[in-house]
Amino acid sequence: MMTKPLVIAIDGASGSGKSSTARGVATRLGLAYLDTGAMYRAVTVAYLDAGVDGTDTAAVTAAVVRADIQISTDPTDQRVRVNGRDVTEEIRSQRISSNVSTVAVIPACRENLVARQRAIIEAAPNGIVAEGRDITTVVAPDADVRLLLSADPAVRMARRRLDHDGQIDDAALRDQILRRDADDSTLVNFSTAADGVISLDGSLLSLEQVIDAVVELAERAASTRSTGDDKETP
């Protein structure tokens, strides 16, 4: 038997399909699911609610550190609360999408969120699928499966448009996909796989095909680790 829960780390650019993939894999394998992007969006709500100036790094950081974030890890029912308020729908709004990079590019904010994310991963009793920008390299570099999911920019923009039921203009779409990627890439490299990280281009694959590929990697990792544990058992 395995001695510790299975951890799967998935990174990728906006619209690469990492969230849908992670939820699907978690559901298939009976694991918890952590959307770290939702956590960045949640603390964005916190700093905006605090009324601080986004250019005031110290004030933004203070609002982030003080924020009480509660995020569910059920892949079939994600709920997010900030300072006691349900913000599950609000974090997907254009207002939050336009301001989330303010938090994401502040190193102290990232450090605070990384610590929270690690705590959630460590507390998952059966294992977890965590996705974001720096999960494979910073948050969970020792994960059993480390994957960088990519897709062509045109494909990513088309997917994000579908997420909004087509109700998003081209400028807002480019802001969500291209500008946010450019901002976040100043601190995190999510375009090139680090050593030991598997690359998967999902541009021409269906969601189910991508999920199948990740599940296969996870089952292989679990089998390998279980075999190793068995060898150590007297």
C-alpha atoms as a PDB file:
ATOM      1  CA  MET A   1       0.000   0.000   0.000  1.00  0.00           C
ATOM      2  CA  MET A   2       1.139   3.568  -0.669  1.00  0.00           C
ATOM      3  CA  THR A   3       2.357   5.443   2.389  1.00  0.00           C
ATOM      4  CA  LYS A   4       1.234   8.884   1.308  1.00  0.00           C
ATOM      5  CA  PRO A   5      -1.541  10.446  -0.810  1.00  0.00           C
ATOM      6  CA  LEU A   6      -1.056  10.891  -4.544  1.00  0.00           C
ATOM      7  CA  VAL A   7      -0.283  14.448  -5.672  1.00  0.00           C
ATOM      8  CA  ILE A   8      -0.737  15.545  -9.282  1.00  0.00           C
ATOM      9  CA  ALA A   9       0.533  18.996 -10.302  1.00  0.00           C
ATOM     10  CA  ILE A  10      -0.657  20.649 -13.507  1.00  0.00           C
ATOM     11  CA  ASP A  11       0.590  23.990 -14.829  1.00  0.00           C
ATOM     12  CA  GLY A  12      -0.346  25.894 -17.949  1.00  0.00           C
ATOM     13  CA  ALA A  13      -1.217  29.186 -19.553  1.00  0.00           C
ATOM     14  CA  SER A  14      -4.668  30.775 -19.485  1.00  0.00           C
ATOM     15  CA  GLY A  15      -7.118  28.743 -21.542  1.00  0.00           C
ATOM     16  CA  SER A  16      -4.792  25.751 -21.854  1.00  0.00           C
ATOM     17  CA  GLY A  17      -7.475  23.547 -20.325  1.00  0.00           C
ATOM     18  CA  LYS A  18      -5.695  22.900 -17.044  1.00  0.00           C
ATOM     19  CA  SER A  19      -8.737  23.590 -14.838  1.00  0.00           C
ATOM     20  CA  SER A  20     -11.108  21.318 -16.766  1.00  0.00           C
ATOM     21  CA  THR A  21      -8.414  18.670 -16.989  1.00  0.00           C
ATOM     22  CA  ALA A  22      -7.600  18.833 -13.274  1.00  0.00           C
ATOM     23  CA  ARG A  23     -11.268  18.611 -12.283  1.00  0.00           C
ATOM     24  CA  GLY A  24     -11.801  15.678 -14.623  1.00  0.00           C
ATOM     25  CA  VAL A  25      -8.757  13.800 -13.347  1.00  0.00           C
ATOM     26  CA  ALA A  26      -9.681  14.441  -9.713  1.00  0.00           C
ATOM     27  CA  THR A  27     -13.231  13.217 -10.304  1.00  0.00           C
ATOM     28  CA  ARG A  28     -12.035  10.130 -12.166  1.00  0.00           C
ATOM     29  CA  LEU A  29      -9.518   9.160  -9.480  1.00  0.00           C
ATOM     30  CA  GLY A  30     -11.519  10.212  -6.424  1.00  0.00           C
ATOM     31  CA  LEU A  31      -9.036  12.907  -5.431  1.00  0.00           C
ATOM     32  CA  ALA A  32      -9.411  16.439  -4.113  1.00  0.00           C
ATOM     33  CA  TYR A  33      -8.999  19.373  -6.492  1.00  0.00           C
ATOM     34  CA  LEU A  34      -7.238  22.681  -5.907  1.00  0.00           C
ATOM     35  CA  ASP A  35      -7.696  25.623  -8.264  1.00  0.00           C
ATOM     36  CA  THR A  36      -4.868  27.935  -7.207  1.00  0.00           C
ATOM     37  CA  GLY A  37      -5.990  30.523  -9.732  1.00  0.00           C
ATOM     38  CA  ALA A  38      -9.242  30.833  -7.791  1.00  0.00           C
ATOM     39  CA  MET A  39      -7.174  31.650  -4.712  1.00  0.00           C
ATOM     40  CA  TYR A  40      -5.434  34.504  -6.525  1.00  0.00           C
ATOM     41  CA  ARG A  41      -8.821  35.734  -7.669  1.00  0.00           C
ATOM     42  CA  ALA A  42     -10.172  35.451  -4.135  1.00  0.00           C
ATOM     43  CA  VAL A  43      -7.463  37.650  -2.638  1.00  0.00           C
ATOM     44  CA  THR A  44      -8.021  40.082  -5.498  1.00  0.00           C
ATOM     45  CA  VAL A  45     -11.565  40.459  -4.180  1.00  0.00           C
ATOM     46  CA  ALA A  46     -10.079  41.037  -0.722  1.00  0.00           C
ATOM     47  CA  TYR A  47      -7.791  43.858  -1.777  1.00  0.00           C
ATOM     48  CA  LEU A  48     -10.465  45.506  -3.923  1.00  0.00           C
ATOM     49  CA  ASP A  49     -12.972  45.258  -1.065  1.00  0.00           C
ATOM     50  CA  ALA A  50     -10.385  46.898   1.203  1.00  0.00           C
ATOM     51  CA  GLY A  51     -10.358  49.892  -1.137  1.00  0.00           C
ATOM     52  CA  VAL A  52      -6.573  50.040  -1.358  1.00  0.00           C
ATOM     53  CA  ASP A  53      -4.698  51.446  -4.340  1.00  0.00           C
ATOM     54  CA  GLY A  54      -3.456  48.690  -6.618  1.00  0.00           C
ATOM     55  CA  THR A  55      -0.164  50.525  -7.041  1.00  0.00           C
ATOM     56  CA  ASP A  56       0.444  50.460  -3.280  1.00  0.00           C
ATOM     57  CA  THR A  57       2.289  47.153  -3.019  1.00  0.00           C
ATOM     58  CA  ALA A  58       2.475  47.185   0.778  1.00  0.00           C
ATOM     59  CA  ALA A  59      -1.259  47.845   1.162  1.00  0.00           C
ATOM     60  CA  VAL A  60      -2.198  45.174  -1.373  1.00  0.00           C
ATOM     61  CA  THR A  61       0.085  42.667   0.370  1.00  0.00           C
ATOM     62  CA  ALA A  62      -1.391  43.485   3.753  1.00  0.00           C
ATOM     63  CA  ALA A  63      -4.931  42.934   2.433  1.00  0.00           C
ATOM     64  CA  VAL A  64      -3.877  39.609   0.927  1.00  0.00           C
ATOM     65  CA  VAL A  65      -2.178  38.371   4.089  1.00  0.00           C
ATOM     66  CA  ARG A  66      -5.190  39.350   6.236  1.00  0.00           C
ATOM     67  CA  ALA A  67      -7.719  37.726   3.896  1.00  0.00           C
ATOM     68  CA  ASP A  68      -9.601  34.731   5.247  1.00  0.00           C
ATOM     69  CA  ILE A  69      -9.946  32.401   2.244  1.00  0.00           C
ATOM     70  CA  GLN A  70     -12.076  29.283   2.292  1.00  0.00           C
ATOM     71  CA  ILE A  71     -11.963  27.201  -0.882  1.00  0.00           C
ATOM     72  CA  SER A  72     -13.601  23.824  -1.360  1.00  0.00           C
ATOM     73  CA  THR A  73     -11.591  20.972  -2.837  1.00  0.00           C
ATOM     74  CA  ASP A  74     -14.569  19.059  -4.224  1.00  0.00           C
ATOM     75  CA  PRO A  75     -13.988  18.826  -7.996  1.00  0.00           C
ATOM     76  CA  THR A  76     -17.737  18.727  -8.636  1.00  0.00           C
ATOM     77  CA  ASP A  77     -18.703  21.695  -6.452  1.00  0.00           C
ATOM     78  CA  GLN A  78     -16.203  24.500  -6.109  1.00  0.00           C
ATOM     79  CA  ARG A  79     -17.133  27.176  -3.579  1.00  0.00           C
ATOM     80  CA  VAL A  80     -14.997  30.137  -2.567  1.00  0.00           C
ATOM     81  CA  ARG A  81     -15.507  32.459   0.402  1.00  0.00           C
ATOM     82  CA  VAL A  82     -13.487  35.556   1.263  1.00  0.00           C
ATOM     83  CA  ASN A  83     -13.766  37.069   4.722  1.00  0.00           C
ATOM     84  CA  GLY A  84     -17.023  35.209   5.235  1.00  0.00           C
ATOM     85  CA  ARG A  85     -18.586  36.234   1.901  1.00  0.00           C
ATOM     86  CA  ASP A  86     -19.378  33.802  -0.918  1.00  0.00           C
ATOM     87  CA  VAL A  87     -17.482  35.034  -3.987  1.00  0.00           C
ATOM     88  CA  THR A  88     -17.736  31.889  -6.133  1.00  0.00           C
ATOM     89  CA  GLU A  89     -19.378  33.741  -9.001  1.00  0.00           C
ATOM     90  CA  GLU A  90     -17.718  37.100  -8.438  1.00  0.00           C
ATOM     91  CA  ILE A  91     -14.169  35.812  -8.902  1.00  0.00           C
ATOM     92  CA  ARG A  92     -14.983  34.998 -12.537  1.00  0.00           C
ATOM     93  CA  SER A  93     -16.139  38.524 -13.315  1.00  0.00           C
ATOM     94  CA  GLN A  94     -14.296  40.847 -15.677  1.00  0.00           C
ATOM     95  CA  ARG A  95     -13.555  43.177 -12.741  1.00  0.00           C
ATOM     96  CA  ILE A  96     -11.545  40.469 -11.008  1.00  0.00           C
ATOM     97  CA  SER A  97      -9.967  39.168 -14.214  1.00  0.00           C
ATOM     98  CA  SER A  98      -8.707  42.669 -14.982  1.00  0.00           C
ATOM     99  CA  ASN A  99      -7.101  43.108 -11.551  1.00  0.00           C
ATOM    100  CA  VAL A 100      -5.802  39.668 -10.578  1.00  0.00           C
ATOM    101  CA  SER A 101      -2.358  40.297 -12.068  1.00  0.00           C
ATOM    102  CA  THR A 102      -1.886  43.106  -9.530  1.00  0.00           C
ATOM    103  CA  VAL A 103      -1.662  40.420  -6.846  1.00  0.00           C
ATOM    104  CA  ALA A 104       0.034  37.762  -8.962  1.00  0.00           C
ATOM    105  CA  VAL A 105       3.120  39.863  -9.722  1.00  0.00           C
ATOM    106  CA  ILE A 106       3.863  40.780  -6.081  1.00  0.00           C
ATOM    107  CA  PRO A 107       6.395  38.250  -4.695  1.00  0.00           C
ATOM    108  CA  ALA A 108       5.195  38.612  -1.096  1.00  0.00           C
ATOM    109  CA  CYS A 109       1.616  37.847  -2.153  1.00  0.00           C
ATOM    110  CA  ARG A 110       2.751  34.782  -4.069  1.00  0.00           C
ATOM    111  CA  GLU A 111       4.730  33.572  -1.054  1.00  0.00           C
ATOM    112  CA  ASN A 112       1.678  33.894   1.163  1.00  0.00           C
ATOM    113  CA  LEU A 113      -0.524  31.998  -1.266  1.00  0.00           C
ATOM    114  CA  VAL A 114       2.082  29.299  -1.884  1.00  0.00           C
ATOM    115  CA  ALA A 115       2.166  28.598   1.848  1.00  0.00           C
ATOM    116  CA  ARG A 116      -1.630  28.314   1.923  1.00  0.00           C
ATOM    117  CA  GLN A 117      -1.631  26.061  -1.136  1.00  0.00           C
ATOM    118  CA  ARG A 118       0.963  23.727   0.343  1.00  0.00           C
ATOM    119  CA  ALA A 119      -1.098  23.436   3.515  1.00  0.00           C
ATOM    120  CA  ILE A 120      -4.189  22.447   1.506  1.00  0.00           C
ATOM    121  CA  ILE A 121      -2.221  19.869  -0.493  1.00  0.00           C
ATOM    122  CA  GLU A 122      -0.700  18.350   2.636  1.00  0.00           C
ATOM    123  CA  ALA A 123      -4.118  18.129   4.301  1.00  0.00           C
ATOM    124  CA  ALA A 124      -5.787  16.188   1.454  1.00  0.00           C
ATOM    125  CA  PRO A 125      -6.299  12.697   2.919  1.00  0.00           C
ATOM    126  CA  ASN A 126      -6.635  10.730  -0.320  1.00  0.00           C
ATOM    127  CA  GLY A 127      -4.503  12.894  -2.595  1.00  0.00           C
ATOM    128  CA  ILE A 128      -5.111  15.954  -4.720  1.00  0.00           C
ATOM    129  CA  VAL A 129      -4.859  17.409  -8.202  1.00  0.00           C
ATOM    130  CA  ALA A 130      -3.545  20.978  -8.001  1.00  0.00           C
ATOM    131  CA  GLU A 131      -3.366  23.290 -10.989  1.00  0.00           C
ATOM    132  CA  GLY A 132      -2.015  26.742 -11.679  1.00  0.00           C
ATOM    133  CA  ARG A 133       1.138  28.473 -12.908  1.00  0.00           C
ATOM    134  CA  ASP A 134       3.894  27.327 -10.543  1.00  0.00           C
ATOM    135  CA  ILE A 135       2.613  24.092  -9.038  1.00  0.00           C
ATOM    136  CA  THR A 136       5.168  21.808 -10.709  1.00  0.00           C
ATOM    137  CA  THR A 137       8.131  24.001  -9.794  1.00  0.00           C
ATOM    138  CA  VAL A 138       7.316  25.922  -6.607  1.00  0.00           C
ATOM    139  CA  VAL A 139       4.211  24.694  -4.801  1.00  0.00           C
ATOM    140  CA  ALA A 140       4.599  20.923  -5.259  1.00  0.00           C
ATOM    141  CA  PRO A 141       7.927  20.180  -6.971  1.00  0.00           C
ATOM    142  CA  ASP A 142       7.893  16.664  -5.454  1.00  0.00           C
ATOM    143  CA  ALA A 143       4.451  15.766  -6.832  1.00  0.00           C
ATOM    144  CA  ASP A 144       4.034  12.226  -8.164  1.00  0.00           C
ATOM    145  CA  VAL A 145       2.934  13.573 -11.544  1.00  0.00           C
ATOM    146  CA  ARG A 146       4.119  16.950 -12.840  1.00  0.00           C
ATOM    147  CA  LEU A 147       2.581  18.153 -16.079  1.00  0.00           C
ATOM    148  CA  LEU A 148       2.815  21.302 -18.192  1.00  0.00           C
ATOM    149  CA  LEU A 149      -0.283  21.599 -20.360  1.00  0.00           C
ATOM    150  CA  SER A 150      -0.098  23.842 -23.408  1.00  0.00           C
ATOM    151  CA  ALA A 151      -2.287  24.838 -26.352  1.00  0.00           C
ATOM    152  CA  ASP A 152      -2.094  27.137 -29.337  1.00  0.00           C
ATOM    153  CA  PRO A 153      -3.030  30.766 -28.464  1.00  0.00           C
ATOM    154  CA  ALA A 154      -5.939  30.727 -30.937  1.00  0.00           C
ATOM    155  CA  VAL A 155      -7.273  27.560 -29.325  1.00  0.00           C
ATOM    156  CA  ARG A 156      -6.902  29.041 -25.842  1.00  0.00           C
ATOM    157  CA  MET A 157      -8.790  32.187 -26.796  1.00  0.00           C
ATOM    158  CA  ALA A 158     -11.573  30.166 -28.399  1.00  0.00           C
ATOM    159  CA  ARG A 159     -11.926  28.053 -25.260  1.00  0.00           C
ATOM    160  CA  ARG A 160     -12.091  31.084 -23.008  1.00  0.00           C
ATOM    161  CA  ARG A 161     -14.747  32.626 -25.259  1.00  0.00           C
ATOM    162  CA  LEU A 162     -16.839  29.478 -24.783  1.00  0.00           C
ATOM    163  CA  ASP A 163     -16.377  29.766 -21.014  1.00  0.00           C
ATOM    164  CA  HIS A 164     -18.135  33.133 -21.288  1.00  0.00           C
ATOM    165  CA  ASP A 165     -20.835  31.778 -23.627  1.00  0.00           C
ATOM    166  CA  GLY A 166     -19.484  34.101 -26.293  1.00  0.00           C
ATOM    167  CA  GLN A 167     -20.408  37.135 -24.186  1.00  0.00           C
ATOM    168  CA  ILE A 168     -16.970  38.731 -24.111  1.00  0.00           C
ATOM    169  CA  ASP A 169     -15.416  41.234 -26.480  1.00  0.00           C
ATOM    170  CA  ASP A 170     -12.081  40.713 -28.212  1.00  0.00           C
ATOM    171  CA  ALA A 171     -10.244  43.276 -26.068  1.00  0.00           C
ATOM    172  CA  ALA A 172     -11.346  41.634 -22.819  1.00  0.00           C
ATOM    173  CA  LEU A 173     -10.494  38.223 -24.231  1.00  0.00           C
ATOM    174  CA  ARG A 174      -6.979  39.278 -25.162  1.00  0.00           C
ATOM    175  CA  ASP A 175      -6.602  40.852 -21.726  1.00  0.00           C
ATOM    176  CA  GLN A 176      -7.599  37.629 -19.972  1.00  0.00           C
ATOM    177  CA  ILE A 177      -5.369  35.403 -22.090  1.00  0.00           C
ATOM    178  CA  LEU A 178      -2.390  37.275 -23.504  1.00  0.00           C
ATOM    179  CA  ARG A 179      -1.877  40.196 -21.138  1.00  0.00           C
ATOM    180  CA  ARG A 180      -2.264  38.070 -17.997  1.00  0.00           C
ATOM    181  CA  ASP A 181       0.169  35.499 -19.380  1.00  0.00           C
ATOM    182  CA  ALA A 182       2.679  38.256 -20.090  1.00  0.00           C
ATOM    183  CA  ASP A 183       2.280  39.720 -16.580  1.00  0.00           C
ATOM    184  CA  ASP A 184       2.576  36.390 -14.789  1.00  0.00           C
ATOM    185  CA  SER A 185       5.551  35.281 -16.869  1.00  0.00           C
ATOM    186  CA  THR A 186       7.641  38.003 -15.224  1.00  0.00           C
ATOM    187  CA  LEU A 187       7.762  35.802 -12.103  1.00  0.00           C
ATOM    188  CA  VAL A 188       6.804  32.295 -13.243  1.00  0.00           C
ATOM    189  CA  ASN A 189       7.912  30.261 -16.252  1.00  0.00           C
ATOM    190  CA  PHE A 190       4.885  28.281 -17.398  1.00  0.00           C
ATOM    191  CA  SER A 191       5.806  28.075 -21.085  1.00  0.00           C
ATOM    192  CA  THR A 192       8.756  25.694 -20.762  1.00  0.00           C
ATOM    193  CA  ALA A 193       8.707  22.462 -18.799  1.00  0.00           C
ATOM    194  CA  ALA A 194      11.250  22.220 -15.990  1.00  0.00           C
ATOM    195  CA  ASP A 195      13.331  19.088 -15.497  1.00  0.00           C
ATOM    196  CA  GLY A 196      11.119  16.131 -14.683  1.00  0.00           C
ATOM    197  CA  VAL A 197       7.942  17.877 -15.874  1.00  0.00           C
ATOM    198  CA  ILE A 198       6.016  16.214 -18.694  1.00  0.00           C
ATOM    199  CA  SER A 199       4.818  18.431 -21.559  1.00  0.00           C
ATOM    200  CA  LEU A 200       1.456  17.825 -23.185  1.00  0.00           C
ATOM    201  CA  ASP A 201       0.061  19.910 -26.055  1.00  0.00           C
ATOM    202  CA  GLY A 202      -3.717  19.657 -25.966  1.00  0.00           C
ATOM    203  CA  SER A 203      -4.406  21.833 -29.020  1.00  0.00           C
ATOM    204  CA  LEU A 204      -5.655  18.923 -31.133  1.00  0.00           C
ATOM    205  CA  LEU A 205      -6.942  16.729 -28.321  1.00  0.00           C
ATOM    206  CA  SER A 206     -10.391  16.572 -26.781  1.00  0.00           C
ATOM    207  CA  LEU A 207     -10.786  17.185 -23.068  1.00  0.00           C
ATOM    208  CA  GLU A 208     -11.443  13.483 -22.496  1.00  0.00           C
ATOM    209  CA  GLN A 209      -8.275  12.543 -24.356  1.00  0.00           C
ATOM    210  CA  VAL A 210      -6.224  14.879 -22.186  1.00  0.00           C
ATOM    211  CA  ILE A 211      -7.860  13.532 -19.017  1.00  0.00           C
ATOM    212  CA  ASP A 212      -7.180   9.971 -20.175  1.00  0.00           C
ATOM    213  CA  ALA A 213      -3.505  10.815 -20.708  1.00  0.00           C
ATOM    214  CA  VAL A 214      -3.115  12.335 -17.244  1.00  0.00           C
ATOM    215  CA  VAL A 215      -4.990   9.482 -15.557  1.00  0.00           C
ATOM    216  CA  GLU A 216      -2.654   7.023 -17.262  1.00  0.00           C
ATOM    217  CA  LEU A 217       0.364   8.948 -15.953  1.00  0.00           C
ATOM    218  CA  ALA A 218      -1.136   9.002 -12.463  1.00  0.00           C
ATOM    219  CA  GLU A 219      -1.898   5.290 -12.441  1.00  0.00           C
ATOM    220  CA  ARG A 220       1.609   4.536 -13.663  1.00  0.00           C
ATOM    221  CA  ALA A 221       3.108   6.731 -10.944  1.00  0.00           C
ATOM    222  CA  ALA A 222       0.915   5.157  -8.266  1.00  0.00           C
ATOM    223  CA  SER A 223       1.861   1.661  -9.430  1.00  0.00           C
ATOM    224  CA  THR A 224       5.565   2.466  -9.461  1.00  0.00           C
ATOM    225  CA  ARG A 225       5.432   4.032  -6.019  1.00  0.00           C
ATOM    226  CA  SER A 226       3.360   1.176  -4.610  1.00  0.00           C
ATOM    227  CA  THR A 227       5.851  -1.355  -5.953  1.00  0.00           C
ATOM    228  CA  GLY A 228       8.669   0.589  -4.324  1.00  0.00           C
ATOM    229  CA  ASP A 229       6.784   0.702  -1.023  1.00  0.00           C
ATOM    230  CA  ASP A 230       6.144  -3.030  -1.215  1.00  0.00           C
ATOM    231  CA  LYS A 231       9.855  -3.663  -1.618  1.00  0.00           C
ATOM    232  CA  GLU A 232      10.522  -1.742   1.580  1.00  0.00           C
ATOM    233  CA  THR A 233       7.888  -3.648   3.536  1.00  0.00           C
ATOM    234  CA  PRO A 234       9.342  -6.556   5.582  1.00  0.00           C
END
